[in-house]
Amino acid sequence: MANKLSLLVDLGNSRLKWAWAENWQIVTGPPLDNEHLNPATLRNLWQALPKPDFLIVSCVSAWHFEESLHQVAKALWPTINIISVTPQAHAFGVTNAYPQPEKLGVDRWLSLIAARKLYDGAVCVVDCGTAITIDLLDAEGCHQGGFIAPGLTLMKKSLVQGTHALQFNEHTQVVGPANNTDAAIYSGTLAACCGLIEHVLSAQSQHYSLILTGGDAALIADHLAVPSILDHDLVLRGLLTVSEGIG
C-alpha cells in the first residue's frame, strides 16, 4: 500500500512505547508509564496525529490496557484497522522454537523479527526490561530458544519485599564490592544480570552478535565484558516489519 500510515504501539509490563510509521520509517513519540496509562492521556498523546491506516500493537501487559488503546483509536479514527500481533511458527524469515508458537512473548517474537532483518549472522537478543529475556537466533533465522530472569528493578524490589532489614535507595550507583547495603544491592543485581548474559554467550558453540534493548540496556552494556549493540526500539522495528507485510 503506497504511503501507508501506521501507529505502532509496544505495550510492555512497565510502560507504553509508540512510534509513527510512514514509508517504512519510524518517528518515536514520548513513552508513557503504565501507571499513567488511561484513555485521557492516550487521547492527548495522539489526537494531533494524522489519521493512520493501521494501529499495530504488541501487548505483554494486562488486557485492559490494550482495550483502552483500541477504544481511543476507534474514537479518534473510526475506520482504523487494528492488528494485535501474535507469534507465529514461521514468519518474516524467523522460525519460532516454541512447540506452541503463541506461548512465546510477542515482544520477544518482534525483537527476533527485527534482528533478523537488521543484523547479519547469528544474534543474541537481550531485552533488559522488567524481565531480562535472552533469545538466540542462528544465521538461518531459526530461534534456538531463550532464557527469562528478573530484571534489575524487579530483583531490587524482590530483595526489599522479601527481607525485613533491607531497604534500597534508587539513586545509589556504585559498582564493585560495597561497604553499605544500598551499594551492595546495586552491585549485586547488576553483576547478576551481566553474569547471566555473559554465561549464556560463553556456553554457545558459535559466535552470536549481542543486541541489547529495553530500559536498562545502556546501563548493562556499560558493564559487560563482551561487545554489544544497543537498539532501544527493537520491538517497534519489529512492528514496522509487520506493517511492511500488510498488503
C-alpha atoms as a PDB file:
ATOM      1  CA  MET A   1       0.000   0.000   0.000  1.00  0.00           C
ATOM      2  CA  ALA A   2       1.568   3.284  -1.051  1.00  0.00           C
ATOM      3  CA  ASN A   3       2.162   5.913   1.609  1.00  0.00           C
ATOM      4  CA  LYS A   4       0.693   3.694   4.312  1.00  0.00           C
ATOM      5  CA  LEU A   5       0.430   5.344   7.742  1.00  0.00           C
ATOM      6  CA  SER A   6       0.726   3.189  10.861  1.00  0.00           C
ATOM      7  CA  LEU A   7       0.690   3.835  14.578  1.00  0.00           C
ATOM      8  CA  LEU A   8       2.983   1.263  16.221  1.00  0.00           C
ATOM      9  CA  VAL A   9       2.499   0.504  19.926  1.00  0.00           C
ATOM     10  CA  ASP A  10       4.731  -1.562  22.196  1.00  0.00           C
ATOM     11  CA  LEU A  11       2.797  -2.078  25.439  1.00  0.00           C
ATOM     12  CA  GLY A  12       5.234  -3.599  27.917  1.00  0.00           C
ATOM     13  CA  ASN A  13       4.973  -4.584  31.560  1.00  0.00           C
ATOM     14  CA  SER A  14       6.043  -1.144  32.789  1.00  0.00           C
ATOM     15  CA  ARG A  15       5.457   1.369  30.009  1.00  0.00           C
ATOM     16  CA  LEU A  16       3.997   2.062  26.612  1.00  0.00           C
ATOM     17  CA  LYS A  17       6.317   2.970  23.734  1.00  0.00           C
ATOM     18  CA  TRP A  18       4.968   4.107  20.416  1.00  0.00           C
ATOM     19  CA  ALA A  19       6.034   5.357  17.031  1.00  0.00           C
ATOM     20  CA  TRP A  20       4.533   6.884  13.925  1.00  0.00           C
ATOM     21  CA  ALA A  21       5.440   4.973  10.768  1.00  0.00           C
ATOM     22  CA  GLU A  22       5.249   6.266   7.217  1.00  0.00           C
ATOM     23  CA  ASN A  23       7.013   4.921   4.132  1.00  0.00           C
ATOM     24  CA  TRP A  24       8.916   2.368   6.247  1.00  0.00           C
ATOM     25  CA  GLN A  25      10.410   4.951   8.596  1.00  0.00           C
ATOM     26  CA  ILE A  26       9.555   5.411  12.279  1.00  0.00           C
ATOM     27  CA  VAL A  27       9.426   8.505  14.443  1.00  0.00           C
ATOM     28  CA  THR A  28       9.163   7.643  18.119  1.00  0.00           C
ATOM     29  CA  GLY A  29       6.906   9.533  20.481  1.00  0.00           C
ATOM     30  CA  PRO A  30       7.274  10.103  24.239  1.00  0.00           C
ATOM     31  CA  PRO A  31       6.861   6.879  26.257  1.00  0.00           C
ATOM     32  CA  LEU A  32       4.173   6.599  28.898  1.00  0.00           C
ATOM     33  CA  ASP A  33       4.440   4.736  32.207  1.00  0.00           C
ATOM     34  CA  ASN A  34       1.625   2.222  32.571  1.00  0.00           C
ATOM     35  CA  GLU A  35       0.573   3.773  35.866  1.00  0.00           C
ATOM     36  CA  HIS A  36      -0.391   6.893  33.875  1.00  0.00           C
ATOM     37  CA  LEU A  37      -1.969   4.986  31.009  1.00  0.00           C
ATOM     38  CA  ASN A  38      -5.661   5.837  30.599  1.00  0.00           C
ATOM     39  CA  PRO A  39      -7.945   6.995  27.762  1.00  0.00           C
ATOM     40  CA  ALA A  40      -7.397  10.691  28.525  1.00  0.00           C
ATOM     41  CA  THR A  41      -3.592  10.507  28.388  1.00  0.00           C
ATOM     42  CA  LEU A  42      -3.693   8.395  25.229  1.00  0.00           C
ATOM     43  CA  ARG A  43      -6.030  10.849  23.546  1.00  0.00           C
ATOM     44  CA  ASN A  44      -3.696  13.714  24.467  1.00  0.00           C
ATOM     45  CA  LEU A  45      -0.742  11.803  23.003  1.00  0.00           C
ATOM     46  CA  TRP A  46      -2.385  11.029  19.695  1.00  0.00           C
ATOM     47  CA  GLN A  47      -5.179  13.459  18.904  1.00  0.00           C
ATOM     48  CA  ALA A  48      -2.953  15.750  16.801  1.00  0.00           C
ATOM     49  CA  LEU A  49      -1.661  12.911  14.597  1.00  0.00           C
ATOM     50  CA  PRO A  50      -2.894  12.471  11.028  1.00  0.00           C
ATOM     51  CA  LYS A  51      -5.309   9.586  10.638  1.00  0.00           C
ATOM     52  CA  PRO A  52      -3.339   6.327  10.499  1.00  0.00           C
ATOM     53  CA  ASP A  53      -4.455   3.418   8.337  1.00  0.00           C
ATOM     54  CA  PHE A  54      -3.365   0.874  10.945  1.00  0.00           C
ATOM     55  CA  LEU A  55      -2.821   0.542  14.672  1.00  0.00           C
ATOM     56  CA  ILE A  56      -0.376  -2.338  15.150  1.00  0.00           C
ATOM     57  CA  VAL A  57       0.027  -3.475  18.748  1.00  0.00           C
ATOM     58  CA  SER A  58       2.427  -5.622  20.749  1.00  0.00           C
ATOM     59  CA  CYS A  59       0.998  -6.219  24.225  1.00  0.00           C
ATOM     60  CA  VAL A  60       2.524  -8.209  27.078  1.00  0.00           C
ATOM     61  CA  SER A  61       0.718  -6.151  29.716  1.00  0.00           C
ATOM     62  CA  ALA A  62      -2.791  -6.521  31.146  1.00  0.00           C
ATOM     63  CA  TRP A  63      -5.615  -6.787  28.614  1.00  0.00           C
ATOM     64  CA  HIS A  64      -7.444  -3.729  29.963  1.00  0.00           C
ATOM     65  CA  PHE A  65      -4.536  -1.543  28.840  1.00  0.00           C
ATOM     66  CA  GLU A  66      -4.799  -2.824  25.285  1.00  0.00           C
ATOM     67  CA  GLU A  67      -8.558  -2.421  25.428  1.00  0.00           C
ATOM     68  CA  SER A  68      -8.033   1.268  26.247  1.00  0.00           C
ATOM     69  CA  LEU A  69      -5.780   1.578  23.187  1.00  0.00           C
ATOM     70  CA  HIS A  70      -8.477   0.122  20.969  1.00  0.00           C
ATOM     71  CA  GLN A  71     -11.174   2.370  22.409  1.00  0.00           C
ATOM     72  CA  VAL A  72      -9.139   5.560  21.990  1.00  0.00           C
ATOM     73  CA  ALA A  73      -8.016   4.635  18.472  1.00  0.00           C
ATOM     74  CA  LYS A  74     -11.571   3.914  17.358  1.00  0.00           C
ATOM     75  CA  ALA A  75     -12.813   7.132  18.951  1.00  0.00           C
ATOM     76  CA  LEU A  76     -10.157   9.216  17.187  1.00  0.00           C
ATOM     77  CA  TRP A  77     -10.202   7.334  13.862  1.00  0.00           C
ATOM     78  CA  PRO A  78     -13.374   5.235  13.465  1.00  0.00           C
ATOM     79  CA  THR A  79     -12.206   3.448  10.299  1.00  0.00           C
ATOM     80  CA  ILE A  80      -8.721   2.493  11.565  1.00  0.00           C
ATOM     81  CA  ASN A  81      -7.637  -1.143  11.178  1.00  0.00           C
ATOM     82  CA  ILE A  82      -6.337  -2.628  14.430  1.00  0.00           C
ATOM     83  CA  ILE A  83      -3.875  -5.511  14.372  1.00  0.00           C
ATOM     84  CA  SER A  84      -2.741  -7.212  17.587  1.00  0.00           C
ATOM     85  CA  VAL A  85       0.368  -9.185  16.734  1.00  0.00           C
ATOM     86  CA  THR A  86       0.667 -12.813  17.860  1.00  0.00           C
ATOM     87  CA  PRO A  87       3.755 -15.011  17.443  1.00  0.00           C
ATOM     88  CA  GLN A  88       3.715 -17.465  14.551  1.00  0.00           C
ATOM     89  CA  ALA A  89       5.529 -20.730  13.854  1.00  0.00           C
ATOM     90  CA  HIS A  90       7.349 -19.059  10.963  1.00  0.00           C
ATOM     91  CA  ALA A  91       7.171 -15.530   9.565  1.00  0.00           C
ATOM     92  CA  PHE A  92       9.462 -12.784   8.260  1.00  0.00           C
ATOM     93  CA  GLY A  93      12.380 -15.199   7.969  1.00  0.00           C
ATOM     94  CA  VAL A  94      12.189 -16.347  11.614  1.00  0.00           C
ATOM     95  CA  THR A  95      11.308 -19.876  12.745  1.00  0.00           C
ATOM     96  CA  ASN A  96       9.907 -19.993  16.277  1.00  0.00           C
ATOM     97  CA  ALA A  97      11.468 -22.611  18.587  1.00  0.00           C
ATOM     98  CA  TYR A  98       8.357 -22.938  20.756  1.00  0.00           C
ATOM     99  CA  PRO A  99       6.179 -26.015  20.025  1.00  0.00           C
ATOM    100  CA  GLN A 100       3.217 -23.747  20.814  1.00  0.00           C
ATOM    101  CA  PRO A 101       4.349 -20.607  18.961  1.00  0.00           C
ATOM    102  CA  GLU A 102       1.788 -18.327  20.594  1.00  0.00           C
ATOM    103  CA  LYS A 103       3.354 -19.030  24.008  1.00  0.00           C
ATOM    104  CA  LEU A 104       6.482 -17.045  23.088  1.00  0.00           C
ATOM    105  CA  GLY A 105       6.173 -13.473  24.327  1.00  0.00           C
ATOM    106  CA  VAL A 106       5.117 -11.244  21.452  1.00  0.00           C
ATOM    107  CA  ASP A 107       7.787  -8.675  22.355  1.00  0.00           C
ATOM    108  CA  ARG A 108      10.448 -11.388  22.086  1.00  0.00           C
ATOM    109  CA  TRP A 109       8.989 -12.512  18.756  1.00  0.00           C
ATOM    110  CA  LEU A 110       9.032  -9.000  17.330  1.00  0.00           C
ATOM    111  CA  SER A 111      12.579  -8.388  18.541  1.00  0.00           C
ATOM    112  CA  LEU A 112      13.691 -11.542  16.720  1.00  0.00           C
ATOM    113  CA  ILE A 113      11.917 -10.400  13.553  1.00  0.00           C
ATOM    114  CA  ALA A 114      13.641  -7.017  13.705  1.00  0.00           C
ATOM    115  CA  ALA A 115      17.039  -8.536  14.490  1.00  0.00           C
ATOM    116  CA  ARG A 116      16.709 -10.945  11.579  1.00  0.00           C
ATOM    117  CA  LYS A 117      16.022  -8.066   9.209  1.00  0.00           C
ATOM    118  CA  LEU A 118      18.560  -5.574  10.525  1.00  0.00           C
ATOM    119  CA  TYR A 119      21.596  -7.600  11.581  1.00  0.00           C
ATOM    120  CA  ASP A 120      23.692 -10.207   9.797  1.00  0.00           C
ATOM    121  CA  GLY A 121      24.555 -13.657  11.084  1.00  0.00           C
ATOM    122  CA  ALA A 122      23.610 -15.277  14.378  1.00  0.00           C
ATOM    123  CA  VAL A 123      22.326 -12.903  17.053  1.00  0.00           C
ATOM    124  CA  CYS A 124      21.646 -12.999  20.771  1.00  0.00           C
ATOM    125  CA  VAL A 125      18.804 -10.603  21.562  1.00  0.00           C
ATOM    126  CA  VAL A 126      18.544  -9.424  25.172  1.00  0.00           C
ATOM    127  CA  ASP A 127      15.650  -7.304  26.405  1.00  0.00           C
ATOM    128  CA  CYS A 128      16.725  -5.546  29.599  1.00  0.00           C
ATOM    129  CA  GLY A 129      13.326  -4.523  30.918  1.00  0.00           C
ATOM    130  CA  THR A 130      11.074  -5.598  33.779  1.00  0.00           C
ATOM    131  CA  ALA A 131      12.337  -9.086  32.980  1.00  0.00           C
ATOM    132  CA  ILE A 132      15.609  -9.968  31.305  1.00  0.00           C
ATOM    133  CA  THR A 133      14.844 -12.110  28.268  1.00  0.00           C
ATOM    134  CA  ILE A 134      17.587 -13.686  26.190  1.00  0.00           C
ATOM    135  CA  ASP A 135      16.877 -15.252  22.797  1.00  0.00           C
ATOM    136  CA  LEU A 136      19.301 -16.922  20.394  1.00  0.00           C
ATOM    137  CA  LEU A 137      18.706 -16.754  16.644  1.00  0.00           C
ATOM    138  CA  ASP A 138      21.048 -18.575  14.274  1.00  0.00           C
ATOM    139  CA  ALA A 139      22.255 -17.289  10.917  1.00  0.00           C
ATOM    140  CA  GLU A 140      19.428 -19.117   9.124  1.00  0.00           C
ATOM    141  CA  GLY A 141      16.744 -17.407  11.205  1.00  0.00           C
ATOM    142  CA  CYS A 142      15.990 -20.404  13.438  1.00  0.00           C
ATOM    143  CA  HIS A 143      15.183 -19.458  17.021  1.00  0.00           C
ATOM    144  CA  GLN A 144      17.281 -21.617  19.345  1.00  0.00           C
ATOM    145  CA  GLY A 145      15.208 -20.882  22.449  1.00  0.00           C
ATOM    146  CA  GLY A 146      15.776 -18.471  25.274  1.00  0.00           C
ATOM    147  CA  PHE A 147      16.075 -17.565  28.949  1.00  0.00           C
ATOM    148  CA  ILE A 148      13.992 -15.405  31.299  1.00  0.00           C
ATOM    149  CA  ALA A 149      15.128 -13.871  34.588  1.00  0.00           C
ATOM    150  CA  PRO A 150      14.080 -10.897  36.729  1.00  0.00           C
ATOM    151  CA  GLY A 151      15.276  -7.519  35.510  1.00  0.00           C
ATOM    152  CA  LEU A 152      17.314  -5.092  37.596  1.00  0.00           C
ATOM    153  CA  THR A 153      14.404  -3.260  39.230  1.00  0.00           C
ATOM    154  CA  LEU A 154      12.460  -6.466  39.846  1.00  0.00           C
ATOM    155  CA  MET A 155      15.488  -8.026  41.564  1.00  0.00           C
ATOM    156  CA  LYS A 156      15.889  -4.985  43.801  1.00  0.00           C
ATOM    157  CA  LYS A 157      12.191  -4.884  44.696  1.00  0.00           C
ATOM    158  CA  SER A 158      12.090  -8.612  45.463  1.00  0.00           C
ATOM    159  CA  LEU A 159      15.053  -8.236  47.834  1.00  0.00           C
ATOM    160  CA  VAL A 160      13.372  -5.391  49.683  1.00  0.00           C
ATOM    161  CA  GLN A 161       9.983  -7.113  49.812  1.00  0.00           C
ATOM    162  CA  GLY A 162      11.416 -10.489  50.821  1.00  0.00           C
ATOM    163  CA  THR A 163      13.522  -9.294  53.753  1.00  0.00           C
ATOM    164  CA  HIS A 164      12.858  -7.221  56.864  1.00  0.00           C
ATOM    165  CA  ALA A 165      16.180  -5.448  57.164  1.00  0.00           C
ATOM    166  CA  LEU A 166      16.935  -4.485  53.568  1.00  0.00           C
ATOM    167  CA  GLN A 167      15.942  -1.202  52.014  1.00  0.00           C
ATOM    168  CA  PHE A 168      17.074   0.263  48.728  1.00  0.00           C
ATOM    169  CA  ASN A 169      17.820   3.767  47.505  1.00  0.00           C
ATOM    170  CA  GLU A 170      17.111   4.004  43.751  1.00  0.00           C
ATOM    171  CA  HIS A 171      19.720   6.770  43.392  1.00  0.00           C
ATOM    172  CA  THR A 172      22.644   4.627  44.537  1.00  0.00           C
ATOM    173  CA  GLN A 173      25.006   3.861  41.663  1.00  0.00           C
ATOM    174  CA  VAL A 174      28.153   2.228  42.984  1.00  0.00           C
ATOM    175  CA  VAL A 175      29.728  -0.742  41.207  1.00  0.00           C
ATOM    176  CA  GLY A 176      32.051  -3.221  42.915  1.00  0.00           C
ATOM    177  CA  PRO A 177      32.429  -4.628  46.421  1.00  0.00           C
ATOM    178  CA  ALA A 178      30.331  -2.380  48.654  1.00  0.00           C
ATOM    179  CA  ASN A 179      30.588  -1.138  52.227  1.00  0.00           C
ATOM    180  CA  ASN A 180      26.885  -0.271  52.538  1.00  0.00           C
ATOM    181  CA  THR A 181      23.655  -2.108  51.775  1.00  0.00           C
ATOM    182  CA  ASP A 182      22.315   0.165  49.031  1.00  0.00           C
ATOM    183  CA  ALA A 183      25.530  -0.144  47.043  1.00  0.00           C
ATOM    184  CA  ALA A 184      25.706  -3.891  47.660  1.00  0.00           C
ATOM    185  CA  ILE A 185      22.211  -4.362  46.212  1.00  0.00           C
ATOM    186  CA  TYR A 186      23.031  -2.183  43.215  1.00  0.00           C
ATOM    187  CA  SER A 187      26.285  -4.010  42.509  1.00  0.00           C
ATOM    188  CA  GLY A 188      24.855  -7.464  43.153  1.00  0.00           C
ATOM    189  CA  THR A 189      21.844  -7.129  40.891  1.00  0.00           C
ATOM    190  CA  LEU A 190      23.878  -5.538  38.098  1.00  0.00           C
ATOM    191  CA  ALA A 191      26.501  -8.287  38.339  1.00  0.00           C
ATOM    192  CA  ALA A 192      23.761 -10.932  38.226  1.00  0.00           C
ATOM    193  CA  CYS A 193      22.312  -9.513  35.003  1.00  0.00           C
ATOM    194  CA  CYS A 194      25.709  -9.132  33.342  1.00  0.00           C
ATOM    195  CA  GLY A 195      26.828 -12.553  34.517  1.00  0.00           C
ATOM    196  CA  LEU A 196      23.738 -14.223  33.075  1.00  0.00           C
ATOM    197  CA  ILE A 197      24.263 -12.669  29.652  1.00  0.00           C
ATOM    198  CA  GLU A 198      27.973 -13.484  29.598  1.00  0.00           C
ATOM    199  CA  HIS A 199      27.305 -17.045  30.767  1.00  0.00           C
ATOM    200  CA  VAL A 200      24.754 -17.677  28.023  1.00  0.00           C
ATOM    201  CA  LEU A 201      27.118 -16.390  25.344  1.00  0.00           C
ATOM    202  CA  SER A 202      30.127 -18.327  26.644  1.00  0.00           C
ATOM    203  CA  ALA A 203      28.135 -21.575  26.615  1.00  0.00           C
ATOM    204  CA  GLN A 204      27.431 -21.384  22.865  1.00  0.00           C
ATOM    205  CA  SER A 205      29.497 -23.269  20.305  1.00  0.00           C
ATOM    206  CA  GLN A 206      29.246 -20.458  17.744  1.00  0.00           C
ATOM    207  CA  HIS A 207      29.591 -16.678  17.792  1.00  0.00           C
ATOM    208  CA  TYR A 208      26.462 -14.610  18.388  1.00  0.00           C
ATOM    209  CA  SER A 209      26.364 -10.842  17.951  1.00  0.00           C
ATOM    210  CA  LEU A 210      24.866  -9.381  21.116  1.00  0.00           C
ATOM    211  CA  ILE A 211      21.961  -6.939  20.706  1.00  0.00           C
ATOM    212  CA  LEU A 212      20.558  -5.192  23.777  1.00  0.00           C
ATOM    213  CA  THR A 213      17.205  -3.443  24.018  1.00  0.00           C
ATOM    214  CA  GLY A 214      14.927  -2.297  26.847  1.00  0.00           C
ATOM    215  CA  GLY A 215      15.110   0.370  29.520  1.00  0.00           C
ATOM    216  CA  ASP A 216      18.249  -0.882  31.288  1.00  0.00           C
ATOM    217  CA  ALA A 217      20.138  -1.823  28.112  1.00  0.00           C
ATOM    218  CA  ALA A 218      22.613   1.069  28.194  1.00  0.00           C
ATOM    219  CA  LEU A 219      23.435   0.550  31.882  1.00  0.00           C
ATOM    220  CA  ILE A 220      24.028  -3.178  31.450  1.00  0.00           C
ATOM    221  CA  ALA A 221      26.019  -2.664  28.240  1.00  0.00           C
ATOM    222  CA  ASP A 222      28.467  -0.419  30.111  1.00  0.00           C
ATOM    223  CA  HIS A 223      29.363  -3.259  32.500  1.00  0.00           C
ATOM    224  CA  LEU A 224      29.509  -6.253  30.168  1.00  0.00           C
ATOM    225  CA  ALA A 225      32.815  -7.887  29.348  1.00  0.00           C
ATOM    226  CA  VAL A 226      31.651  -8.540  25.782  1.00  0.00           C
ATOM    227  CA  PRO A 227      30.811  -6.061  22.987  1.00  0.00           C
ATOM    228  CA  SER A 228      27.179  -5.275  22.301  1.00  0.00           C
ATOM    229  CA  ILE A 229      24.879  -3.295  20.013  1.00  0.00           C
ATOM    230  CA  LEU A 230      22.237  -1.033  21.577  1.00  0.00           C
ATOM    231  CA  ASP A 231      18.901  -0.893  19.777  1.00  0.00           C
ATOM    232  CA  HIS A 232      16.316   0.707  22.045  1.00  0.00           C
ATOM    233  CA  ASP A 233      13.479   0.470  19.507  1.00  0.00           C
ATOM    234  CA  LEU A 234      13.827  -3.179  18.510  1.00  0.00           C
ATOM    235  CA  VAL A 235      10.198  -4.141  19.254  1.00  0.00           C
ATOM    236  CA  LEU A 236       8.943  -1.075  17.374  1.00  0.00           C
ATOM    237  CA  ARG A 237      11.164  -2.028  14.434  1.00  0.00           C
ATOM    238  CA  GLY A 238       9.620  -5.485  14.556  1.00  0.00           C
ATOM    239  CA  LEU A 239       6.171  -3.883  14.406  1.00  0.00           C
ATOM    240  CA  LEU A 240       7.362  -1.829  11.439  1.00  0.00           C
ATOM    241  CA  THR A 241       8.395  -5.058   9.690  1.00  0.00           C
ATOM    242  CA  VAL A 242       4.918  -6.462  10.324  1.00  0.00           C
ATOM    243  CA  SER A 243       3.379  -3.302   8.884  1.00  0.00           C
ATOM    244  CA  GLU A 244       5.512  -3.697   5.759  1.00  0.00           C
ATOM    245  CA  GLY A 245       3.966  -7.105   5.232  1.00  0.00           C
ATOM    246  CA  ILE A 246       0.400  -5.797   5.198  1.00  0.00           C
ATOM    247  CA  GLY A 247      -0.944  -5.693   1.658  1.00  0.00           C
END
